[in-house]
Protein backbone atom coordinates (compact mmCIF):
# COMPACT_ATOMS: atom_id res chain seq x y z
CA MET A 1 -44.39 25.65 9.84
CA HIS A 2 -41.94 23.84 10.39
CA ALA A 3 -40.32 23.01 13.95
CA HIS A 4 -37.30 24.82 14.41
CA TYR A 5 -35.06 22.66 15.87
CA ILE A 6 -31.55 23.70 17.36
CA VAL A 7 -28.84 21.07 17.10
CA LYS A 8 -26.27 21.88 20.42
CA LEU A 9 -23.86 18.53 20.67
CA THR A 10 -21.31 17.98 23.59
CA SER A 11 -17.68 17.14 23.40
CA ASP A 12 -18.52 13.03 23.45
CA GLU A 13 -20.72 13.94 20.66
CA ARG A 14 -18.36 16.10 18.64
CA GLU A 15 -15.74 14.24 19.14
CA THR A 16 -17.07 10.82 18.04
CA LEU A 17 -19.11 13.20 14.61
CA GLU A 18 -16.01 13.95 13.66
CA ARG A 19 -14.14 10.85 14.36
CA LEU A 20 -16.08 9.69 12.39
CA ILE A 21 -15.61 11.65 9.41
CA SER A 22 -11.72 11.53 9.43
CA GLY A 23 -10.98 7.60 9.39
CA GLY A 24 -12.05 4.44 7.81
CA THR A 25 -14.24 3.30 5.68
CA LYS A 26 -18.12 4.30 6.58
CA GLN A 27 -22.06 4.92 4.63
CA ALA A 28 -20.86 7.98 2.23
CA ARG A 29 -24.65 9.08 3.86
CA LYS A 30 -24.25 8.55 7.26
CA VAL A 31 -20.48 10.88 6.82
CA LYS A 32 -22.89 13.51 5.35
CA ARG A 33 -25.17 13.72 8.38
CA ALA A 34 -22.41 13.68 11.23
CA GLN A 35 -20.80 16.71 8.53
CA VAL A 36 -24.56 18.30 8.78
CA LEU A 37 -24.92 18.36 12.70
CA LEU A 38 -21.18 19.59 13.32
CA ALA A 39 -22.08 22.30 10.56
CA THR A 40 -25.57 23.25 12.45
CA ASP A 41 -23.32 23.64 15.82
CA SER A 42 -21.16 25.84 15.02
CA GLY A 43 -24.17 27.71 13.68
CA ILE A 44 -23.97 27.86 10.21
CA SER A 45 -27.63 28.09 8.88
CA ASP A 46 -29.18 25.54 7.11
CA ALA A 47 -28.71 26.95 3.27
CA GLU A 48 -24.99 27.13 3.56
CA ILE A 49 -24.88 23.11 4.53
CA ALA A 50 -26.94 22.11 2.24
CA ALA A 51 -25.09 24.25 -0.59
CA ALA A 52 -21.22 23.08 1.19
CA ILE A 53 -22.89 19.41 1.13
CA ASN A 54 -24.43 18.78 -1.98
CA CYS A 55 -27.54 17.34 -0.26
CA GLY A 56 -31.12 19.70 -0.08
CA THR A 57 -32.47 21.37 3.49
CA ALA A 58 -34.79 18.86 3.62
CA THR A 59 -32.07 16.98 4.23
CA VAL A 60 -30.27 19.16 6.71
CA TYR A 61 -33.69 19.54 8.45
CA ARG A 62 -34.42 16.10 9.00
CA VAL A 63 -31.34 15.05 10.68
CA LYS A 64 -31.92 18.50 13.01
CA LYS A 65 -35.11 16.76 14.30
CA ALA A 66 -34.31 13.38 14.41
CA PHE A 67 -31.05 14.80 16.59
CA VAL A 68 -33.22 16.23 18.52
CA GLU A 69 -35.91 14.38 18.72
CA GLU A 70 -34.35 11.07 19.51
CA GLY A 71 -30.99 10.96 19.74
CA LEU A 72 -27.66 10.87 18.09
CA GLU A 73 -27.68 7.47 16.83
CA GLN A 74 -30.96 8.07 15.12
CA ALA A 75 -29.92 10.89 13.36
CA LEU A 76 -27.19 8.69 11.49
CA ASN A 77 -29.04 5.94 11.44
CA GLU A 78 -31.44 6.33 8.28
CA LYS A 79 -34.77 5.00 8.55
CA PRO A 80 -36.95 4.68 5.65
CA ARG A 81 -39.18 7.58 4.65
CA PRO A 82 -43.62 5.98 5.41
CA GLY A 83 -44.58 4.59 2.72
CA ALA A 84 -41.03 4.38 0.66
CA LYS A 85 -40.73 0.53 -0.60
CA ARG A 86 -37.29 -1.04 0.14
CA LYS A 87 -35.35 -1.19 -3.27
CA LEU A 88 -33.81 -4.60 -4.79
CA SER A 89 -35.01 -6.38 -1.18
CA GLY A 90 -34.26 -10.08 0.01
CA ARG A 91 -34.18 -12.61 -3.09
CA ASP A 92 -33.40 -9.57 -5.52
CA GLU A 93 -30.45 -7.55 -3.15
CA THR A 94 -29.35 -11.71 -2.77
CA LEU A 95 -28.79 -11.17 -6.80
CA LEU A 96 -26.96 -7.88 -6.72
CA VAL A 97 -24.22 -8.63 -4.65
CA ALA A 98 -24.06 -12.15 -6.62
CA LEU A 99 -23.94 -10.40 -9.71
CA ALA A 100 -20.97 -7.45 -8.92
CA CYS A 101 -18.78 -10.25 -7.00
CA SER A 102 -19.11 -12.14 -10.87
CA THR A 103 -16.54 -11.68 -14.06
CA PRO A 104 -17.67 -8.45 -15.05
CA PRO A 105 -18.85 -7.84 -19.53
CA LEU A 106 -16.40 -8.45 -21.86
CA GLY A 107 -14.12 -5.89 -22.28
CA ARG A 108 -15.39 -4.24 -19.30
CA ALA A 109 -12.44 -4.16 -16.17
CA ARG A 110 -14.63 -4.04 -13.58
CA TRP A 111 -18.34 -3.84 -12.31
CA THR A 112 -19.31 0.38 -12.50
CA LEU A 113 -22.89 0.53 -10.91
CA GLN A 114 -24.38 1.83 -13.84
CA LEU A 115 -23.15 -1.42 -15.66
CA LEU A 116 -24.99 -3.62 -12.14
CA ALA A 117 -28.40 -1.73 -12.87
CA ASP A 118 -28.20 -2.17 -16.33
CA GLU A 119 -27.73 -6.31 -16.11
CA PHE A 120 -30.15 -6.13 -13.19
CA VAL A 121 -32.88 -5.14 -15.40
CA ARG A 122 -31.05 -7.25 -18.85
CA LEU A 123 -31.99 -10.09 -17.12
CA GLU A 124 -35.70 -9.27 -15.60
CA THR A 125 -34.39 -10.26 -12.09
CA VAL A 126 -36.67 -7.52 -10.77
CA GLU A 127 -39.99 -6.15 -11.65
CA LEU A 128 -39.12 -2.51 -12.41
CA GLU A 129 -37.95 -0.86 -15.62
CA THR A 130 -35.25 0.79 -14.34
CA VAL A 131 -32.60 0.67 -11.17
CA SER A 132 -31.00 3.24 -10.97
CA ALA A 133 -27.04 3.09 -10.03
CA ASP A 134 -27.52 4.94 -6.71
CA THR A 135 -30.50 2.03 -5.11
CA VAL A 136 -27.78 0.11 -6.50
CA GLY A 137 -24.80 1.98 -4.89
CA ARG A 138 -26.64 2.49 -1.29
CA ARG A 139 -27.30 -1.62 -1.57
CA LEU A 140 -23.37 -2.52 -2.31
CA ALA A 141 -22.84 -0.44 0.65
CA GLU A 142 -24.75 -1.71 2.56
CA LYS A 143 -22.69 -4.82 1.78
CA ASP A 144 -19.70 -3.48 1.86
CA ILE A 145 -18.88 -4.57 -1.77
CA LYS A 146 -16.58 -1.70 -4.14
CA PRO A 147 -16.62 -4.00 -7.42
CA TRP A 148 -14.89 -1.08 -9.11
CA GLN A 149 -12.53 -1.54 -6.26
CA LYS A 150 -9.08 -3.69 -7.16
CA LYS A 151 -6.40 -4.25 -4.51
CA MET A 152 -3.13 -5.83 -5.35
CA TRP A 153 -1.99 -7.73 -3.01
CA CYS A 154 0.86 -10.40 -1.50
CA ILE A 155 -1.19 -13.85 -2.16
CA PRO A 156 2.23 -16.27 -0.16
CA ALA A 157 1.87 -20.10 -0.23
CA VAL A 158 3.20 -20.17 2.96
CA ASP A 159 4.03 -23.60 4.00
CA ALA A 160 7.15 -24.98 6.27
CA GLU A 161 10.03 -23.50 3.84
CA PHE A 162 7.77 -19.91 3.72
CA VAL A 163 7.95 -20.44 7.29
CA GLU A 164 11.42 -20.84 8.18
CA ARG A 165 12.56 -17.99 5.62
CA MET A 166 10.29 -15.39 6.96
CA GLU A 167 11.07 -16.39 10.54
CA ASP A 168 14.93 -16.54 10.35
CA VAL A 169 14.97 -12.90 8.85
CA LEU A 170 12.83 -11.64 11.25
CA ASP A 171 15.03 -12.79 13.84
CA LEU A 172 17.68 -11.24 12.37
CA TYR A 173 16.15 -8.19 12.41
CA ALA A 174 14.98 -8.38 16.16
CA GLU A 175 18.48 -8.05 16.90
CA PRO A 176 20.96 -5.62 17.75
CA HIS A 177 23.71 -3.58 16.19
CA ASP A 178 26.86 -5.56 16.15
CA PRO A 179 29.54 -4.13 14.16
CA VAL A 180 31.23 -7.45 13.95
CA ARG A 181 28.43 -9.17 12.36
CA PRO A 182 26.27 -6.78 10.70
CA THR A 183 22.72 -7.51 9.11
CA ILE A 184 23.05 -5.90 5.49
CA CYS A 185 19.33 -5.99 3.27
CA PHE A 186 19.90 -6.25 -0.02
CA ASP A 187 18.23 -5.45 -3.07
CA GLU A 188 18.79 -3.82 -7.07
CA LYS A 189 15.79 -1.45 -9.12
CA PRO A 190 16.51 -1.14 -12.46
CA CYS A 191 15.89 2.64 -14.49
CA GLN A 192 14.76 4.04 -17.51
CA LEU A 193 17.47 6.11 -18.39
CA ILE A 194 14.52 9.20 -20.49
CA GLY A 195 16.08 12.98 -22.08
CA GLU A 196 14.54 15.30 -23.08
CA THR A 197 13.97 16.93 -26.28
CA ARG A 198 12.21 19.92 -25.91
CA VAL A 199 13.73 22.40 -22.78
CA PRO A 200 11.54 22.48 -20.20
CA ILE A 201 10.65 25.55 -18.91
CA ARG A 202 11.40 26.23 -15.77
CA MET A 203 8.37 27.74 -12.98
CA LYS A 204 7.42 31.04 -11.89
CA PRO A 205 4.74 32.15 -10.39
CA GLY A 206 1.16 31.31 -10.57
CA GLN A 207 2.95 29.25 -13.46
CA PRO A 208 4.52 25.53 -12.33
CA GLN A 209 6.62 23.88 -14.72
CA ARG A 210 6.39 22.63 -17.83
CA VAL A 211 7.93 19.34 -19.19
CA ASP A 212 7.30 18.60 -22.95
CA CYS A 213 5.32 15.53 -23.84
CA GLU A 214 8.01 13.87 -25.88
CA TYR A 215 10.69 12.32 -24.48
CA GLN A 216 13.62 10.60 -26.32
CA ARG A 217 14.49 6.55 -23.78
CA ASN A 218 18.05 6.37 -23.91
CA GLY A 219 18.46 3.05 -22.29
CA VAL A 220 17.69 0.83 -18.79
CA ALA A 221 20.44 0.99 -15.78
CA ASN A 222 20.34 -0.51 -12.22
CA ILE A 223 20.58 0.67 -8.97
CA PHE A 224 21.99 -1.74 -6.33
CA MET A 225 20.86 -0.72 -3.48
CA MET A 226 22.28 -1.95 0.45
CA VAL A 227 20.69 -1.00 3.64
CA GLY A 228 21.38 -2.16 7.47
CA ALA A 229 18.79 -3.53 9.34
CA ALA A 230 19.58 -2.02 13.06
CA PHE A 231 21.38 1.07 12.18
CA PRO A 232 21.21 4.30 9.76
CA TRP A 233 23.09 3.02 7.16
CA ARG A 234 22.92 2.76 2.67
CA GLN A 235 25.56 2.52 -0.34
CA THR A 236 24.23 2.18 -3.27
CA LYS A 237 26.24 1.94 -6.58
CA VAL A 238 24.97 2.44 -9.97
CA THR A 239 25.66 -0.39 -13.00
CA ALA A 240 24.67 -0.69 -16.99
CA ARG A 241 23.06 -4.29 -15.70
CA ARG A 242 21.86 -6.29 -13.65
CA THR A 243 24.01 -9.68 -14.29
CA ALA A 244 26.60 -12.01 -11.88
CA ILE A 245 28.95 -10.18 -12.21
CA ASP A 246 27.93 -7.40 -10.69
CA PHE A 247 26.00 -8.83 -8.03
CA ALA A 248 29.40 -10.66 -7.58
CA GLU A 249 31.87 -6.97 -7.73
CA VAL A 250 29.09 -5.39 -5.01
CA MET A 251 29.45 -8.86 -2.58
CA ARG A 252 33.56 -8.17 -2.84
CA ASP A 253 32.87 -4.35 -2.29
CA LEU A 254 30.41 -4.99 0.82
CA VAL A 255 33.30 -7.62 2.41
CA ASP A 256 36.56 -5.04 1.41
CA VAL A 257 35.28 -1.69 1.19
CA HIS A 258 32.26 -0.92 3.29
CA PHE A 259 33.12 -4.02 6.02
CA PRO A 260 36.22 -4.76 6.09
CA HIS A 261 36.55 -5.24 9.69
CA ALA A 262 33.50 -7.19 10.22
CA GLU A 263 34.36 -10.86 10.54
CA ARG A 264 30.79 -12.22 9.23
CA ILE A 265 28.12 -10.10 6.91
CA ARG A 266 25.33 -11.75 6.88
CA VAL A 267 22.88 -10.86 3.78
CA VAL A 268 19.14 -10.24 3.83
CA MET A 269 17.98 -10.36 -0.02
CA ASP A 270 15.20 -11.86 -2.49
CA ASN A 271 15.22 -15.40 -4.53
CA LEU A 272 16.95 -13.43 -7.90
CA SER A 273 18.87 -16.18 -9.92
CA THR A 274 21.92 -13.60 -9.68
CA HIS A 275 21.80 -13.81 -5.87
CA CYS A 276 24.31 -16.92 -5.66
CA ARG A 277 27.32 -18.20 -4.22
CA LYS A 278 28.21 -19.75 -7.16
CA ASN A 279 28.40 -15.89 -8.83
CA LEU A 280 31.56 -15.08 -7.06
CA TYR A 281 33.35 -18.13 -8.82
CA GLU A 282 32.21 -17.31 -12.15
CA ALA A 283 33.67 -13.87 -11.70
CA PHE A 284 36.88 -14.12 -9.59
CA PRO A 285 39.22 -16.90 -9.18
CA ALA A 286 38.49 -19.91 -6.93
CA PRO A 287 40.89 -18.68 -3.78
CA GLU A 288 39.26 -14.74 -3.67
CA ALA A 289 35.81 -16.21 -3.97
CA ARG A 290 36.89 -18.54 -1.26
CA ARG A 291 37.96 -15.20 0.46
CA ILE A 292 34.89 -13.25 0.30
CA LEU A 293 32.10 -16.24 1.04
CA ARG A 294 34.07 -17.19 4.45
CA ARG A 295 33.09 -13.43 4.95
CA LEU A 296 29.35 -13.21 4.17
CA GLU A 297 26.09 -15.46 5.42
CA PHE A 298 23.11 -15.22 2.65
CA HIS A 299 19.67 -15.08 4.22
CA TYR A 300 16.85 -15.82 1.90
CA THR A 301 13.06 -13.98 1.97
CA PRO A 302 10.77 -16.63 1.06
CA LYS A 303 9.42 -17.09 -1.60
CA HIS A 304 6.85 -14.23 -3.10
CA ALA A 305 7.61 -12.20 -0.10
CA SER A 306 10.31 -9.57 -0.93
CA TRP A 307 8.78 -7.46 1.33
CA LEU A 308 10.31 -8.68 4.37
CA ASN A 309 13.07 -7.34 2.85
CA MET A 310 13.83 -3.53 4.37
CA ALA A 311 15.84 -2.67 0.92
CA GLU A 312 12.36 -2.87 -0.78
CA ILE A 313 11.71 -0.05 1.89
CA GLU A 314 14.60 2.10 1.71
CA ILE A 315 13.89 2.07 -2.96
CA GLY A 316 10.46 3.31 -2.11
CA VAL A 317 12.07 6.40 -0.04
CA LEU A 318 15.15 6.84 -3.21
CA SER A 319 12.33 6.13 -6.03
CA GLY A 320 10.17 9.06 -4.35
CA GLN A 321 12.57 11.76 -3.49
CA CYS A 322 14.71 11.42 -5.89
CA LEU A 323 13.96 9.46 -9.58
CA ASP A 324 10.34 10.76 -9.82
CA ARG A 325 11.92 13.06 -12.87
CA ARG A 326 13.03 12.25 -16.17
CA ILE A 327 17.19 11.26 -15.92
CA ALA A 328 19.26 10.65 -19.50
CA SER A 329 22.05 9.14 -18.82
CA GLN A 330 23.80 6.71 -16.08
CA ALA A 331 26.36 8.96 -15.36
CA GLU A 332 23.88 11.72 -14.11
CA LEU A 333 21.84 8.89 -12.41
CA GLU A 334 25.23 7.78 -10.64
CA VAL A 335 25.76 11.88 -9.21
CA GLN A 336 22.26 11.88 -8.17
CA VAL A 337 22.13 8.87 -5.92
CA ALA A 338 25.02 9.04 -4.94
CA ALA A 339 24.17 13.19 -3.21
CA TRP A 340 20.96 11.24 -2.41
CA THR A 341 22.71 8.37 -0.25
CA ARG A 342 24.46 11.26 1.48
CA ALA A 343 21.85 13.36 2.31
CA ARG A 344 20.23 10.35 3.64
CA ASN A 345 22.94 9.44 5.76
CA ASP A 346 23.80 13.11 7.17
CA SER A 347 20.27 13.04 8.52
CA GLY A 348 20.58 9.37 10.47
CA ALA A 349 17.37 7.96 8.74
CA SER A 350 16.73 4.84 10.17
CA ILE A 351 13.93 1.50 8.43
CA ASP A 352 11.80 0.82 12.08
CA TRP A 353 11.15 -2.31 11.45
CA MET A 354 8.09 -3.82 13.54
CA PHE A 355 7.34 -6.91 12.28
CA ASP A 356 8.41 -9.90 14.83
CA VAL A 357 7.93 -13.61 15.04
CA THR A 358 5.73 -13.75 17.60
CA SER A 359 3.37 -10.59 15.34
CA ALA A 360 4.48 -12.82 12.96
CA ARG A 361 2.30 -15.94 15.03
CA GLU A 362 -0.15 -13.89 16.05
CA LYS A 363 -0.78 -12.65 12.90
CA LEU A 364 -0.42 -15.79 9.81
CA GLY A 365 -1.13 -17.65 12.85
CA ARG A 366 -4.26 -19.71 10.95
CA ALA A 367 -1.40 -19.62 7.59
CA TYR A 368 1.72 -21.48 9.68
CA PRO A 369 1.15 -25.46 8.59
CA VAL A 370 -0.08 -28.28 11.32
CA PRO A 371 3.12 -30.16 12.32
CA LEU A 372 2.38 -33.67 10.92
CA HIS A 373 1.50 -35.47 15.01
CA THR A 374 -0.25 -32.92 15.41
CA ALA A 375 -2.76 -33.71 12.94
CA THR A 376 -2.22 -37.07 14.09
CA GLN A 377 -3.08 -36.59 17.14
CA ALA A 378 -6.52 -34.89 16.53
CA ALA A 379 -7.32 -36.71 13.47
CA ALA A 380 -7.15 -39.92 16.07
C-alpha cells in the first residue's frame, strides 16, 4: 500500500515554483513537476492533477514523495529510475548534438525530433533498432538545443563606421527636446492595397466576422513616417510612390509646414538611395533646394541597423493598430492613416528610448573595433 504524502509549501517555495512556471525557457519535465507541487498544495487530488497536466498518477506520487523525503530541489530534478539504462549517452549524445546542428535533409527546412531519431538509427550510430523522438527531445533539451526553431536576427558588420553612426544617433536621442533644433526620425513603408471581391459578413453574437478568402490586388501605396525623438509628435503622408521627388517634397513639408520656426531640423534616417541631399536639387530649383537644405541636418543609421531608427517602432504601431486589414484604395488609406495619426498625437503617445551610448559600449563592447595603437601595444 502506497504511503500518503502531504505537500505543504512555504511562501518562498510557492514563489519559486510560480516563477519557474511563468518565466523563461525551462525543461518541460521540470515545469510539470512544479505544477504538480503547486496543485497538490492547493488540495487537488492526484487523479485531477494527472488529467490536468497530462501525466500519470504514478508521476504525481513520485514528485510528492521526493518533495516530502528529499526536499524541493530533488522533487524538481528527476533522477534516473533504478535499473534504467540512459539512452544516447556519451559518444552517442555528442553525435546527436552534431547532427542536430547540421544541415537538414534535402527537401526539409529544418530538423524535427522524429527526423533526428530516424537519421540516428539509419547511420547505425546506436545499438538500438529504434530511438524515440521523446528520447531525442530529452537529450537536446539538456543541451538547450532546438533544431526545429529558427530566430531572425540582425547581424551587422560592426566596424568604425558602424560605431560612429550608432553613437551619433544615440547622442541625438539622449538630448532633451529643443523646439529650435528638433530631432525627427524618418522612414517609409510600402502598403499593398487590397479590395474585397465579396462583401464581408458582419459579426454577431457567437459568430466572428467572415471575410472571403478571395481578394483583389489594387496596387501599392507608400506611407512616409516622421516621429519626434524626444517629444510626442508624429506626422504621416501617403503617396503613390517612393521616389526621390517624393522624399524631397516631404523634406520641404518638414521645413515649411511642420517646423517653420526651427533653425535646424536633425533628421535620422536609414541608407536608402532616395535619402540623399542631391535629390532636393532634382526636385526643386537650386535656390529652393539650398534654402531647404540649410535648415536640415541628416544623420544616418549604420548600414544593416535601421532598428536604431525610432520611426521603425512607430511604423510597427501603425501596422498593428491601423493597417492590419484590407484597404482597397489610396484615398481610403489616406483617410485611415490620417485618423490614426490624429488619435495618436491627441493621446500624447511617445517612444521611451532606453538604449544609449553607455549601454551600447557595455553590450557591444567586444564587437567594437580595436584602435590601431592599442592593438600595436598589445602585440608588443
